[in-house]
Amino acid sequence: HEELEKVSAFLGIEFMPSLIYTYDSINNLKADYPGGALEKFHCRLAEGIHDHRLEIWKTHLQTQTIHLLEISADKYAEKAGYSHAFEKHPLKYKLMAIPGIILAKNIFFLTKIINRLPAGLRMAILSKLPRKIALCVYFIFNKDKYYRFRRLPSSMKYQNQA
């Protein structure tokens, strides 16, 4: 923990030992989650850390998605050691990334609030909130994806646009 405390101090972030869980302490984690929730939501937690998927984003993400992620994560990605794939981002992507920027800037604060909630409520929020955020972003910027994401038939898609 001492090294992580030093790193946290250097980065200017609060060190919270309670957030450090390794695959060695999986049994301790099971006590914090209601029956089956740990396996359902964090099934690979006990596997340890692997780097075989480290660069997979380069082949699986579209250029637009990479731009949006880089703009949204910005300095947080740099602090975590990620290098940018692009030096400049088109204005279109900067505007599209506004919801992501807002989320990225508030995620630590939101995490602290959510972590204080009872486990059942916490898991319900964490399992549904990301999808709801995605729906909001799609509704604002890409109605076609919004309706596909919601899995509405195309006939309903045009009825809802009125």
C-alpha atoms as a PDB file:
ATOM      1  CA  HIS A   1       0.000   0.000   0.000  1.00  0.00           C
ATOM      2  CA  GLU A   2       2.866   2.378   0.666  1.00  0.00           C
ATOM      3  CA  GLU A   3       3.802   2.656  -3.008  1.00  0.00           C
ATOM      4  CA  LEU A   4       0.201   3.293  -4.015  1.00  0.00           C
ATOM      5  CA  GLU A   5      -0.078   5.976  -1.362  1.00  0.00           C
ATOM      6  CA  LYS A   6       2.977   7.698  -2.851  1.00  0.00           C
ATOM      7  CA  VAL A   7       1.581   7.425  -6.379  1.00  0.00           C
ATOM      8  CA  SER A   8      -1.778   8.792  -5.232  1.00  0.00           C
ATOM      9  CA  ALA A   9      -0.090  11.702  -3.484  1.00  0.00           C
ATOM     10  CA  PHE A  10       1.972  12.421  -6.597  1.00  0.00           C
ATOM     11  CA  LEU A  11      -1.151  12.398  -8.794  1.00  0.00           C
ATOM     12  CA  GLY A  12      -3.039  14.522  -6.303  1.00  0.00           C
ATOM     13  CA  ILE A  13      -5.807  12.005  -5.730  1.00  0.00           C
ATOM     14  CA  GLU A  14      -7.135  10.618  -2.487  1.00  0.00           C
ATOM     15  CA  PHE A  15      -5.739   7.223  -1.518  1.00  0.00           C
ATOM     16  CA  MET A  16      -8.530   4.902  -0.471  1.00  0.00           C
ATOM     17  CA  PRO A  17      -7.273   1.510   0.735  1.00  0.00           C
ATOM     18  CA  SER A  18     -10.813   0.158   0.764  1.00  0.00           C
ATOM     19  CA  LEU A  19     -10.868   0.336  -3.042  1.00  0.00           C
ATOM     20  CA  ILE A  20      -7.871  -1.936  -3.451  1.00  0.00           C
ATOM     21  CA  TYR A  21      -9.091  -5.426  -4.143  1.00  0.00           C
ATOM     22  CA  THR A  22      -6.986  -8.073  -5.755  1.00  0.00           C
ATOM     23  CA  TYR A  23      -7.978 -11.447  -7.010  1.00  0.00           C
ATOM     24  CA  ASP A  24      -6.337 -12.835  -3.843  1.00  0.00           C
ATOM     25  CA  SER A  25      -9.021 -11.269  -1.671  1.00  0.00           C
ATOM     26  CA  ILE A  26     -12.027 -12.527  -3.636  1.00  0.00           C
ATOM     27  CA  ASN A  27     -13.502 -14.201  -0.566  1.00  0.00           C
ATOM     28  CA  ASN A  28     -13.495 -10.873   1.266  1.00  0.00           C
ATOM     29  CA  LEU A  29     -15.332  -9.300  -1.654  1.00  0.00           C
ATOM     30  CA  LYS A  30     -18.067 -11.927  -1.612  1.00  0.00           C
ATOM     31  CA  ALA A  31     -19.139 -10.673   1.806  1.00  0.00           C
ATOM     32  CA  ASP A  32     -19.727  -7.174   0.373  1.00  0.00           C
ATOM     33  CA  TYR A  33     -22.101  -8.297  -2.381  1.00  0.00           C
ATOM     34  CA  PRO A  34     -25.494  -9.966  -2.160  1.00  0.00           C
ATOM     35  CA  GLY A  35     -25.700 -13.608  -3.246  1.00  0.00           C
ATOM     36  CA  GLY A  36     -24.419 -14.132  -6.771  1.00  0.00           C
ATOM     37  CA  ALA A  37     -23.924 -10.435  -7.568  1.00  0.00           C
ATOM     38  CA  LEU A  38     -20.133 -10.650  -7.553  1.00  0.00           C
ATOM     39  CA  GLU A  39     -20.136 -13.536 -10.009  1.00  0.00           C
ATOM     40  CA  LYS A  40     -22.768 -11.863 -12.181  1.00  0.00           C
ATOM     41  CA  PHE A  41     -21.207  -8.410 -12.443  1.00  0.00           C
ATOM     42  CA  HIS A  42     -17.511  -9.098 -11.847  1.00  0.00           C
ATOM     43  CA  CYS A  43     -17.082 -12.675 -13.039  1.00  0.00           C
ATOM     44  CA  ARG A  44     -13.470 -12.228 -14.202  1.00  0.00           C
ATOM     45  CA  LEU A  45     -12.257 -10.452 -11.079  1.00  0.00           C
ATOM     46  CA  ALA A  46     -10.733 -13.614  -9.636  1.00  0.00           C
ATOM     47  CA  GLU A  47      -8.701 -14.291 -12.788  1.00  0.00           C
ATOM     48  CA  GLY A  48      -6.045 -11.717 -12.072  1.00  0.00           C
ATOM     49  CA  ILE A  49      -4.631  -9.207 -14.527  1.00  0.00           C
ATOM     50  CA  HIS A  50      -3.794 -10.180 -18.102  1.00  0.00           C
ATOM     51  CA  ASP A  51      -2.389  -8.025 -20.867  1.00  0.00           C
ATOM     52  CA  HIS A  52      -3.532 -10.126 -23.834  1.00  0.00           C
ATOM     53  CA  ARG A  53      -6.395  -7.711 -24.583  1.00  0.00           C
ATOM     54  CA  LEU A  54      -4.399  -4.543 -24.013  1.00  0.00           C
ATOM     55  CA  GLU A  55      -4.289  -3.321 -27.618  1.00  0.00           C
ATOM     56  CA  ILE A  56      -7.586  -4.833 -28.787  1.00  0.00           C
ATOM     57  CA  TRP A  57      -9.194  -1.412 -29.075  1.00  0.00           C
ATOM     58  CA  LYS A  58      -7.025  -0.644 -32.108  1.00  0.00           C
ATOM     59  CA  THR A  59      -8.792  -3.284 -34.167  1.00  0.00           C
ATOM     60  CA  HIS A  60     -12.280  -3.146 -32.650  1.00  0.00           C
ATOM     61  CA  LEU A  61     -13.072   0.560 -32.299  1.00  0.00           C
ATOM     62  CA  GLN A  62     -14.053   2.912 -35.087  1.00  0.00           C
ATOM     63  CA  THR A  63     -12.097   6.123 -35.629  1.00  0.00           C
ATOM     64  CA  GLN A  64     -15.018   8.226 -34.383  1.00  0.00           C
ATOM     65  CA  THR A  65     -15.231   6.194 -31.181  1.00  0.00           C
ATOM     66  CA  ILE A  66     -11.519   6.626 -30.507  1.00  0.00           C
ATOM     67  CA  HIS A  67     -11.845  10.390 -30.998  1.00  0.00           C
ATOM     68  CA  LEU A  68     -14.807  10.539 -28.605  1.00  0.00           C
ATOM     69  CA  LEU A  69     -13.051   8.462 -25.966  1.00  0.00           C
ATOM     70  CA  GLU A  70      -9.868  10.509 -26.166  1.00  0.00           C
ATOM     71  CA  ILE A  71     -11.751  13.776 -25.908  1.00  0.00           C
ATOM     72  CA  SER A  72     -13.879  12.520 -23.010  1.00  0.00           C
ATOM     73  CA  ALA A  73     -11.069  10.975 -20.990  1.00  0.00           C
ATOM     74  CA  ASP A  74      -8.565  13.732 -21.834  1.00  0.00           C
ATOM     75  CA  LYS A  75      -6.198  14.324 -18.913  1.00  0.00           C
ATOM     76  CA  TYR A  76      -7.497  11.334 -16.972  1.00  0.00           C
ATOM     77  CA  ALA A  77      -6.217   9.022 -19.710  1.00  0.00           C
ATOM     78  CA  GLU A  78      -2.864  10.803 -19.743  1.00  0.00           C
ATOM     79  CA  LYS A  79      -2.575  10.448 -15.970  1.00  0.00           C
ATOM     80  CA  ALA A  80      -3.278   6.735 -16.364  1.00  0.00           C
ATOM     81  CA  GLY A  81      -0.465   6.446 -18.910  1.00  0.00           C
ATOM     82  CA  TYR A  82      -2.435   6.223 -22.136  1.00  0.00           C
ATOM     83  CA  SER A  83      -1.070   7.978 -25.188  1.00  0.00           C
ATOM     84  CA  HIS A  84      -3.374   9.641 -27.686  1.00  0.00           C
ATOM     85  CA  ALA A  85      -3.978   8.104 -31.094  1.00  0.00           C
ATOM     86  CA  PHE A  86      -4.789  11.556 -32.519  1.00  0.00           C
ATOM     87  CA  GLU A  87      -3.151  14.909 -31.873  1.00  0.00           C
ATOM     88  CA  LYS A  88      -6.178  16.943 -32.987  1.00  0.00           C
ATOM     89  CA  HIS A  89      -9.892  16.238 -32.914  1.00  0.00           C
ATOM     90  CA  PRO A  90     -12.505  17.680 -35.310  1.00  0.00           C
ATOM     91  CA  LEU A  91     -15.026  20.101 -33.794  1.00  0.00           C
ATOM     92  CA  LYS A  92     -17.843  17.669 -34.613  1.00  0.00           C
ATOM     93  CA  TYR A  93     -16.331  15.080 -32.274  1.00  0.00           C
ATOM     94  CA  LYS A  94     -15.634  17.658 -29.589  1.00  0.00           C
ATOM     95  CA  LEU A  95     -19.313  18.590 -29.543  1.00  0.00           C
ATOM     96  CA  MET A  96     -20.418  14.967 -29.586  1.00  0.00           C
ATOM     97  CA  ALA A  97     -18.139  14.236 -26.621  1.00  0.00           C
ATOM     98  CA  ILE A  98     -19.696  16.790 -24.258  1.00  0.00           C
ATOM     99  CA  PRO A  99     -21.805  14.203 -22.355  1.00  0.00           C
ATOM    100  CA  GLY A 100     -18.729  11.984 -22.009  1.00  0.00           C
ATOM    101  CA  ILE A 101     -16.661  14.899 -20.741  1.00  0.00           C
ATOM    102  CA  ILE A 102     -19.279  15.716 -18.129  1.00  0.00           C
ATOM    103  CA  LEU A 103     -19.426  12.077 -17.066  1.00  0.00           C
ATOM    104  CA  ALA A 104     -15.630  11.692 -16.936  1.00  0.00           C
ATOM    105  CA  LYS A 105     -15.239  14.790 -14.791  1.00  0.00           C
ATOM    106  CA  ASN A 106     -17.869  13.612 -12.343  1.00  0.00           C
ATOM    107  CA  ILE A 107     -17.310   9.852 -12.306  1.00  0.00           C
ATOM    108  CA  PHE A 108     -15.083   9.809  -9.222  1.00  0.00           C
ATOM    109  CA  PHE A 109     -17.566  11.925  -7.288  1.00  0.00           C
ATOM    110  CA  LEU A 110     -20.458   9.726  -8.435  1.00  0.00           C
ATOM    111  CA  THR A 111     -18.515   6.601  -7.486  1.00  0.00           C
ATOM    112  CA  LYS A 112     -18.007   7.881  -3.953  1.00  0.00           C
ATOM    113  CA  ILE A 113     -21.737   8.538  -3.608  1.00  0.00           C
ATOM    114  CA  ILE A 114     -22.797   5.212  -5.128  1.00  0.00           C
ATOM    115  CA  ASN A 115     -20.329   3.270  -2.964  1.00  0.00           C
ATOM    116  CA  ARG A 116     -22.097   4.543   0.159  1.00  0.00           C
ATOM    117  CA  LEU A 117     -25.400   2.995  -0.901  1.00  0.00           C
ATOM    118  CA  PRO A 118     -26.578  -0.458   0.181  1.00  0.00           C
ATOM    119  CA  ALA A 119     -25.124  -3.240  -1.983  1.00  0.00           C
ATOM    120  CA  GLY A 120     -28.399  -4.172  -3.699  1.00  0.00           C
ATOM    121  CA  LEU A 121     -29.178  -0.597  -4.686  1.00  0.00           C
ATOM    122  CA  ARG A 122     -25.561  -0.008  -5.703  1.00  0.00           C
ATOM    123  CA  MET A 123     -25.588  -3.027  -8.024  1.00  0.00           C
ATOM    124  CA  ALA A 124     -28.948  -2.014  -9.512  1.00  0.00           C
ATOM    125  CA  ILE A 125     -27.614   1.447 -10.314  1.00  0.00           C
ATOM    126  CA  LEU A 126     -24.323   0.187 -11.707  1.00  0.00           C
ATOM    127  CA  SER A 127     -26.035  -2.390 -13.896  1.00  0.00           C
ATOM    128  CA  LYS A 128     -28.508   0.087 -15.431  1.00  0.00           C
ATOM    129  CA  LEU A 129     -26.889   3.527 -15.352  1.00  0.00           C
ATOM    130  CA  PRO A 130     -24.331   3.009 -18.163  1.00  0.00           C
ATOM    131  CA  ARG A 131     -27.064   1.885 -20.575  1.00  0.00           C
ATOM    132  CA  LYS A 132     -29.273   4.826 -19.630  1.00  0.00           C
ATOM    133  CA  ILE A 133     -26.389   7.239 -20.210  1.00  0.00           C
ATOM    134  CA  ALA A 134     -25.737   5.649 -23.606  1.00  0.00           C
ATOM    135  CA  LEU A 135     -29.412   6.012 -24.507  1.00  0.00           C
ATOM    136  CA  CYS A 136     -29.325   9.718 -23.616  1.00  0.00           C
ATOM    137  CA  VAL A 137     -26.216  10.294 -25.717  1.00  0.00           C
ATOM    138  CA  TYR A 138     -27.686   8.419 -28.672  1.00  0.00           C
ATOM    139  CA  PHE A 139     -30.995  10.268 -28.330  1.00  0.00           C
ATOM    140  CA  ILE A 140     -29.181  13.592 -28.564  1.00  0.00           C
ATOM    141  CA  PHE A 141     -26.615  12.784 -31.248  1.00  0.00           C
ATOM    142  CA  ASN A 142     -27.721   9.740 -33.208  1.00  0.00           C
ATOM    143  CA  LYS A 143     -31.437   8.978 -33.239  1.00  0.00           C
ATOM    144  CA  ASP A 144     -30.991   5.973 -35.536  1.00  0.00           C
ATOM    145  CA  LYS A 145     -28.643   4.302 -33.079  1.00  0.00           C
ATOM    146  CA  TYR A 146     -30.933   5.282 -30.227  1.00  0.00           C
ATOM    147  CA  TYR A 147     -33.842   3.411 -31.774  1.00  0.00           C
ATOM    148  CA  ARG A 148     -31.679   0.412 -32.695  1.00  0.00           C
ATOM    149  CA  PHE A 149     -30.271   0.386 -29.180  1.00  0.00           C
ATOM    150  CA  ARG A 150     -33.756   0.407 -27.746  1.00  0.00           C
ATOM    151  CA  ARG A 151     -34.645  -2.367 -30.219  1.00  0.00           C
ATOM    152  CA  LEU A 152     -37.782  -0.675 -31.432  1.00  0.00           C
ATOM    153  CA  PRO A 153     -39.263  -1.788 -34.752  1.00  0.00           C
ATOM    154  CA  SER A 154     -38.607   0.694 -37.566  1.00  0.00           C
ATOM    155  CA  SER A 155     -42.335   1.525 -37.828  1.00  0.00           C
ATOM    156  CA  MET A 156     -42.276   2.831 -34.253  1.00  0.00           C
ATOM    157  CA  LYS A 157     -39.067   4.739 -34.961  1.00  0.00           C
ATOM    158  CA  TYR A 158     -40.817   7.071 -37.382  1.00  0.00           C
ATOM    159  CA  GLN A 159     -43.912   7.438 -35.199  1.00  0.00           C
ATOM    160  CA  ASN A 160     -41.740   8.681 -32.332  1.00  0.00           C
ATOM    161  CA  GLN A 161     -39.977  11.303 -34.460  1.00  0.00           C
ATOM    162  CA  ALA A 162     -43.143  13.392 -34.860  1.00  0.00           C
END
